[in-house]
Amino acid sequence: MVVPVLDASRFVGDSPTDRFKFAEELLDSLQKHGFVRLRDHGISDETVEEMFRLVRQPSRTKISAVYEKISGGGLTTDSADCKEHFDQGPANDEQFPNKWPSEVDLPNFRTTMENFYLLAETVSLYILEALEMALKLPQSSFLNMMVHNASELRLNHYPAISIADMREKNINRTSPHFDLGVITLLFQDGIGGLEIQDRDRPGSFMPVEPSVQSEMMVNVAETFLRWTNDVVSAGLHRVTIPESLKEADGGLIEERFSVVYLCKADRDASVAPLKEFVTEKGSKYGHISALEYHQQRLGLAYQ
């Protein structure tokens, strides 16, 4: 199983043929694997590198922004999942306002985050437009539910950890899971450890590492699965021991960083299947708003 790398610039170009071909290949990879890799997506190498400089800042400067709301900032460390993260929601979110580190601690942190958020949002929307095209849906079928989207930008830090601890204490850097939103855009460093479900071999996972840091990994999340009534399934993934260290007797796994844009629908948008995907067998999912679904799923996860 190999996850394709697609040239996303074909979709933002002027050729209708190139646009449609990209859309078809995008859908094909997402249906087969739940994932696709993109290059030339519109976010420059320099911009991606700037984000990694942010996420590598010492954790102590982020502590002042600890926040528990689902769309605010947050720095958390889990016992089973050994990681910490900072989350940013929409810039003008009145329901769940962002909380930022001090400008003294992290100069230009907020500006850099907000600018990257807008770039990632643009990419996520043209990906959804391409999927509308490939699925032969009426224009803006997905985009109409993204007008006031509740997407989040996340900086992940996975502290260094011993291989022995991960093996003996059953610790993951991230346990196997599906994302809750529509789609997810991921940038990762070269440490490795990301694995996705190998649908050709049920129950197994395969490593996926970027050829360059600016390569974008895109995966289907649960909202998109629901919208399409399982026509496009969500991508199961985890972060564990890097492939190069799987056979090692011991030692330390270096700290790992990633930048993630969690594309989410409007909070009041329905996450029930679109009518175009409901067959004579009916809908597999009932109506619930995106916010209610998100809160319900988080409640189950933290019981």
Protein backbone atom coordinates (compact mmCIF):
# COMPACT_ATOMS: atom_id res chain seq x y z
CA MET A 1 0.00 0.00 0.00
CA VAL A 2 1.44 3.35 -1.09
CA VAL A 3 -0.27 6.67 -0.38
CA PRO A 4 -0.06 8.77 -3.57
CA VAL A 5 1.63 12.18 -3.72
CA LEU A 6 -0.43 14.60 -5.84
CA ASP A 7 0.50 17.98 -7.30
CA ALA A 8 -2.21 20.24 -5.89
CA SER A 9 -1.25 23.15 -8.14
CA ARG A 10 -3.16 21.40 -10.93
CA PHE A 11 -6.44 22.22 -9.21
CA VAL A 12 -5.76 25.92 -8.73
CA GLY A 13 -4.57 26.32 -12.33
CA ASP A 14 -6.59 27.30 -15.40
CA SER A 15 -6.90 23.92 -17.10
CA PRO A 16 -10.35 22.31 -16.60
CA THR A 17 -8.83 18.96 -17.55
CA ASP A 18 -6.09 19.24 -14.93
CA ARG A 19 -8.59 20.36 -12.29
CA PHE A 20 -10.89 17.43 -12.90
CA LYS A 21 -8.03 14.92 -13.11
CA PHE A 22 -6.66 16.13 -9.78
CA ALA A 23 -10.13 15.90 -8.21
CA GLU A 24 -10.54 12.32 -9.44
CA GLU A 25 -7.11 11.25 -8.14
CA LEU A 26 -7.76 12.98 -4.82
CA LEU A 27 -11.04 11.15 -4.31
CA ASP A 28 -9.53 7.84 -5.42
CA SER A 29 -6.74 8.02 -2.84
CA LEU A 30 -9.08 9.11 -0.04
CA GLN A 31 -11.53 6.31 -0.82
CA LYS A 32 -8.78 3.68 -0.99
CA HIS A 33 -6.63 4.80 1.93
CA GLY A 34 -8.40 7.57 3.86
CA PHE A 35 -5.26 9.62 3.14
CA VAL A 36 -3.45 11.46 0.38
CA ARG A 37 -0.19 13.44 0.26
CA LEU A 38 -0.01 16.84 -1.46
CA ARG A 39 2.85 18.95 -2.76
CA ASP A 40 2.70 22.43 -4.34
CA HIS A 41 -0.42 23.04 -2.27
CA GLY A 42 -0.02 26.79 -1.90
CA ILE A 43 1.74 27.01 1.48
CA SER A 44 5.42 27.78 0.94
CA ASP A 45 8.34 25.83 2.39
CA GLU A 46 9.41 28.98 4.27
CA THR A 47 5.97 29.39 5.85
CA VAL A 48 5.91 25.77 6.99
CA GLU A 49 9.40 26.12 8.45
CA GLU A 50 8.30 29.23 10.34
CA MET A 51 5.53 27.20 11.97
CA PHE A 52 7.99 24.54 13.05
CA ARG A 53 10.15 27.22 14.63
CA LEU A 54 7.09 28.23 16.66
CA VAL A 55 6.24 24.72 17.81
CA ARG A 56 9.85 24.15 18.90
CA GLN A 57 9.66 27.03 21.39
CA PRO A 58 10.22 25.90 25.01
CA SER A 59 6.97 24.62 26.52
CA ARG A 60 7.19 26.90 29.56
CA THR A 61 6.33 29.92 27.40
CA LYS A 62 3.03 28.31 26.37
CA ILE A 63 1.83 27.39 29.85
CA SER A 64 0.11 30.77 30.33
CA ALA A 65 -2.27 29.86 27.51
CA VAL A 66 -3.64 26.64 29.01
CA TYR A 67 -7.31 26.61 28.15
CA GLU A 68 -9.94 23.90 28.35
CA LYS A 69 -12.58 25.04 25.87
CA ILE A 70 -12.80 22.88 22.78
CA SER A 71 -11.79 25.64 20.38
CA GLY A 72 -9.36 27.58 22.52
CA GLY A 73 -5.68 27.14 23.14
CA GLY A 74 -4.51 24.29 25.28
CA LEU A 75 -1.38 22.59 26.50
CA THR A 76 -2.08 19.09 27.73
CA THR A 77 -0.13 15.97 28.52
CA ASP A 78 -1.92 12.61 28.52
CA SER A 79 -0.69 9.49 30.32
CA ALA A 80 -1.57 6.96 27.61
CA ASP A 81 -0.82 9.44 24.83
CA CYS A 82 2.48 11.15 25.55
CA LYS A 83 2.17 14.57 23.91
CA GLU A 84 1.32 18.21 24.49
CA HIS A 85 -0.39 20.67 22.18
CA PHE A 86 -1.51 24.26 21.67
CA ASP A 87 -4.79 24.86 19.81
CA GLN A 88 -6.08 27.95 18.04
CA GLY A 89 -9.65 28.34 16.84
CA PRO A 90 -11.18 30.99 14.55
CA ALA A 91 -9.72 34.46 15.10
CA ASN A 92 -12.98 36.18 16.04
CA ASP A 93 -14.60 33.32 17.91
CA GLU A 94 -16.90 34.78 20.58
CA GLN A 95 -18.27 31.43 21.76
CA PHE A 96 -14.87 29.87 22.48
CA PRO A 97 -12.34 32.74 22.28
CA ASN A 98 -8.68 31.94 21.86
CA LYS A 99 -6.27 32.55 24.70
CA TRP A 100 -2.77 33.53 23.64
CA PRO A 101 0.68 33.37 25.24
CA SER A 102 2.21 36.68 26.23
CA GLU A 103 3.71 38.67 23.36
CA VAL A 104 6.74 39.11 25.59
CA ASP A 105 7.19 35.33 25.85
CA LEU A 106 6.50 34.63 22.18
CA PRO A 107 6.83 37.70 19.92
CA ASN A 108 4.71 37.42 16.73
CA PHE A 109 3.34 34.06 17.84
CA ARG A 110 -0.30 35.12 17.44
CA THR A 111 0.24 36.85 14.10
CA THR A 112 2.12 33.87 12.66
CA MET A 113 -0.53 31.43 13.86
CA GLU A 114 -3.44 33.48 12.53
CA ASN A 115 -1.78 33.96 9.14
CA PHE A 116 -1.08 30.24 8.80
CA TYR A 117 -4.64 29.44 9.86
CA LEU A 118 -5.96 31.47 6.91
CA LEU A 119 -3.59 29.77 4.46
CA ALA A 120 -4.60 26.31 5.69
CA GLU A 121 -8.27 27.28 5.55
CA THR A 122 -7.87 28.26 1.89
CA VAL A 123 -6.28 24.90 1.08
CA SER A 124 -8.96 22.96 2.96
CA LEU A 125 -11.73 24.74 1.07
CA TYR A 126 -10.30 24.03 -2.38
CA ILE A 127 -9.82 20.39 -1.37
CA LEU A 128 -13.52 20.24 -0.48
CA GLU A 129 -14.36 21.98 -3.76
CA ALA A 130 -12.35 19.33 -5.61
CA LEU A 131 -14.21 16.58 -3.76
CA GLU A 132 -17.55 18.15 -4.70
CA MET A 133 -16.40 17.98 -8.31
CA ALA A 134 -15.19 14.38 -8.12
CA LEU A 135 -18.35 13.23 -6.35
CA LYS A 136 -20.49 15.08 -8.92
CA LEU A 137 -22.29 17.10 -6.28
CA PRO A 138 -24.02 20.46 -6.77
CA GLN A 139 -21.55 23.31 -6.37
CA SER A 140 -20.89 24.32 -2.72
CA SER A 141 -22.59 21.22 -1.26
CA PHE A 142 -19.77 21.01 1.29
CA LEU A 143 -18.65 24.63 1.21
CA ASN A 144 -22.07 25.90 2.30
CA MET A 145 -21.45 24.18 5.63
CA MET A 146 -18.04 25.83 6.03
CA VAL A 147 -19.00 29.52 5.92
CA HIS A 148 -18.43 30.06 9.66
CA ASN A 149 -16.31 26.97 10.20
CA ALA A 150 -14.95 26.09 13.63
CA SER A 151 -11.61 24.75 12.39
CA GLU A 152 -8.58 24.55 14.67
CA LEU A 153 -4.85 24.93 14.14
CA ARG A 154 -2.82 22.71 16.45
CA LEU A 155 0.88 22.62 17.32
CA ASN A 156 1.89 19.19 18.63
CA HIS A 157 4.98 18.39 20.69
CA TYR A 158 5.80 14.78 21.52
CA PRO A 159 8.51 14.80 24.23
CA ALA A 160 11.46 12.46 23.94
CA ILE A 161 10.63 9.05 25.40
CA SER A 162 12.45 5.76 25.89
CA ILE A 163 11.61 2.84 23.64
CA ALA A 164 11.36 0.65 26.75
CA ASP A 165 8.65 2.86 28.26
CA MET A 166 6.59 2.76 25.09
CA ARG A 167 6.84 -1.02 24.90
CA GLU A 168 6.51 -1.94 28.58
CA LYS A 169 3.99 0.69 29.70
CA ASN A 170 1.83 0.48 26.58
CA ILE A 171 2.37 4.16 25.85
CA ASN A 172 1.62 5.68 22.46
CA ARG A 173 2.56 9.08 21.22
CA THR A 174 -1.00 9.07 19.86
CA SER A 175 -3.34 6.09 20.15
CA PRO A 176 -5.21 4.81 17.05
CA HIS A 177 -8.06 7.20 16.30
CA PHE A 178 -10.20 8.95 13.71
CA ASP A 179 -10.26 12.75 13.63
CA LEU A 180 -13.62 14.37 14.40
CA GLY A 181 -13.77 17.13 11.80
CA VAL A 182 -14.22 17.17 8.03
CA ILE A 183 -10.64 16.69 6.82
CA THR A 184 -7.25 17.16 8.46
CA LEU A 185 -4.11 18.77 7.01
CA LEU A 186 -0.86 17.62 8.60
CA PHE A 187 2.76 18.73 8.39
CA GLN A 188 5.30 16.61 10.28
CA ASP A 189 9.03 16.66 10.93
CA GLY A 190 11.36 13.85 9.90
CA ILE A 191 11.42 11.91 13.20
CA GLY A 192 8.80 9.43 12.03
CA GLY A 193 6.23 7.40 13.92
CA LEU A 194 3.03 8.26 12.04
CA GLU A 195 1.27 5.10 10.92
CA ILE A 196 -1.99 4.70 9.03
CA GLN A 197 -4.27 1.71 8.79
CA ASP A 198 -3.34 -0.58 5.91
CA ARG A 199 -6.72 -1.36 4.38
CA ASP A 200 -5.15 -4.11 2.28
CA ARG A 201 -4.22 -5.91 5.52
CA PRO A 202 -6.96 -5.44 8.14
CA GLY A 203 -5.65 -4.86 11.64
CA SER A 204 -2.24 -3.68 10.51
CA PHE A 205 -0.65 -0.24 10.18
CA MET A 206 1.99 1.13 7.82
CA PRO A 207 4.44 4.01 8.39
CA VAL A 208 4.06 7.21 6.38
CA GLU A 209 6.89 9.72 6.47
CA PRO A 210 7.14 12.95 4.46
CA SER A 211 9.72 13.21 1.71
CA VAL A 212 10.10 16.87 2.72
CA GLN A 213 8.80 18.83 5.71
CA SER A 214 6.46 20.91 3.51
CA GLU A 215 4.65 17.83 2.17
CA MET A 216 1.04 17.90 3.37
CA MET A 217 -0.76 14.78 4.54
CA VAL A 218 -4.55 14.99 4.18
CA ASN A 219 -6.93 12.57 5.83
CA VAL A 220 -10.69 12.06 5.91
CA ALA A 221 -12.31 12.70 9.29
CA GLU A 222 -15.60 11.56 10.82
CA THR A 223 -17.79 14.46 9.66
CA PHE A 224 -16.93 13.80 6.02
CA LEU A 225 -17.62 10.10 6.51
CA ARG A 226 -21.07 11.00 7.85
CA TRP A 227 -21.79 13.53 5.10
CA THR A 228 -21.06 10.89 2.46
CA ASN A 229 -22.92 8.09 4.28
CA ASP A 230 -19.71 6.02 4.37
CA VAL A 231 -18.96 6.47 0.65
CA VAL A 232 -15.65 7.97 1.79
CA SER A 233 -14.36 6.41 5.03
CA ALA A 234 -12.31 8.19 7.68
CA GLY A 235 -8.61 7.42 7.99
CA LEU A 236 -7.49 5.55 11.11
CA HIS A 237 -4.01 6.55 12.30
CA ARG A 238 -1.62 6.56 15.24
CA VAL A 239 1.82 7.82 16.26
CA THR A 240 4.14 5.19 17.71
CA ILE A 241 7.77 4.01 17.60
CA PRO A 242 9.40 5.13 14.32
CA GLU A 243 9.92 2.34 11.81
CA SER A 244 13.71 2.75 11.96
CA LEU A 245 13.66 1.94 15.71
CA LYS A 246 11.15 -0.92 15.76
CA GLU A 247 13.90 -3.54 16.13
CA ALA A 248 16.10 -1.51 18.49
CA ASP A 249 16.96 -3.09 21.86
CA GLY A 250 16.52 0.23 23.64
CA GLY A 251 17.39 3.88 23.53
CA LEU A 252 15.58 7.17 23.32
CA ILE A 253 13.12 8.32 20.66
CA GLU A 254 13.75 11.97 19.85
CA GLU A 255 11.09 14.58 20.47
CA ARG A 256 8.69 14.98 17.55
CA PHE A 257 6.78 18.00 16.26
CA SER A 258 3.82 18.43 13.93
CA VAL A 259 1.53 21.20 12.70
CA VAL A 260 -2.10 20.19 12.16
CA TYR A 261 -5.10 22.02 10.70
CA LEU A 262 -8.32 20.33 11.81
CA CYS A 263 -10.90 21.45 9.25
CA LYS A 264 -14.30 21.54 10.96
CA ALA A 265 -17.78 22.51 9.81
CA ASP A 266 -19.95 25.38 11.02
CA ARG A 267 -20.99 24.54 14.57
CA ASP A 268 -24.69 24.53 13.66
CA ALA A 269 -24.21 22.54 10.44
CA SER A 270 -25.79 19.09 10.33
CA VAL A 271 -23.43 16.14 10.19
CA ALA A 272 -26.13 13.85 8.78
CA PRO A 273 -25.58 12.44 5.27
CA LEU A 274 -26.28 14.69 2.30
CA LYS A 275 -29.35 13.60 0.35
CA GLU A 276 -27.19 12.69 -2.66
CA PHE A 277 -25.67 9.84 -0.62
CA VAL A 278 -28.86 8.43 0.88
CA THR A 279 -29.96 5.30 -1.01
CA GLU A 280 -33.01 3.09 -0.70
CA LYS A 281 -31.25 1.53 2.30
CA GLY A 282 -31.58 4.86 4.06
CA SER A 283 -29.24 7.06 6.05
CA LYS A 284 -26.67 5.45 8.34
CA TYR A 285 -26.51 8.54 10.54
CA GLY A 286 -29.13 10.81 12.08
CA HIS A 287 -29.17 14.59 12.34
CA ILE A 288 -26.95 16.20 14.95
CA SER A 289 -25.12 19.51 14.76
CA ALA A 290 -21.35 19.55 14.31
CA LEU A 291 -20.89 21.09 17.76
CA GLU A 292 -23.17 18.58 19.47
CA TYR A 293 -21.42 15.70 17.70
CA HIS A 294 -18.00 17.00 18.66
CA GLN A 295 -18.99 17.38 22.32
CA GLN A 296 -20.64 13.95 22.33
CA ARG A 297 -17.55 12.25 20.91
CA LEU A 298 -15.19 14.06 23.27
CA GLY A 299 -17.41 13.07 26.18
CA LEU A 300 -17.12 9.42 25.22
CA ALA A 301 -13.36 9.69 24.77
CA TYR A 302 -12.80 11.10 28.26
CA GLN A 303 -15.24 8.97 30.27
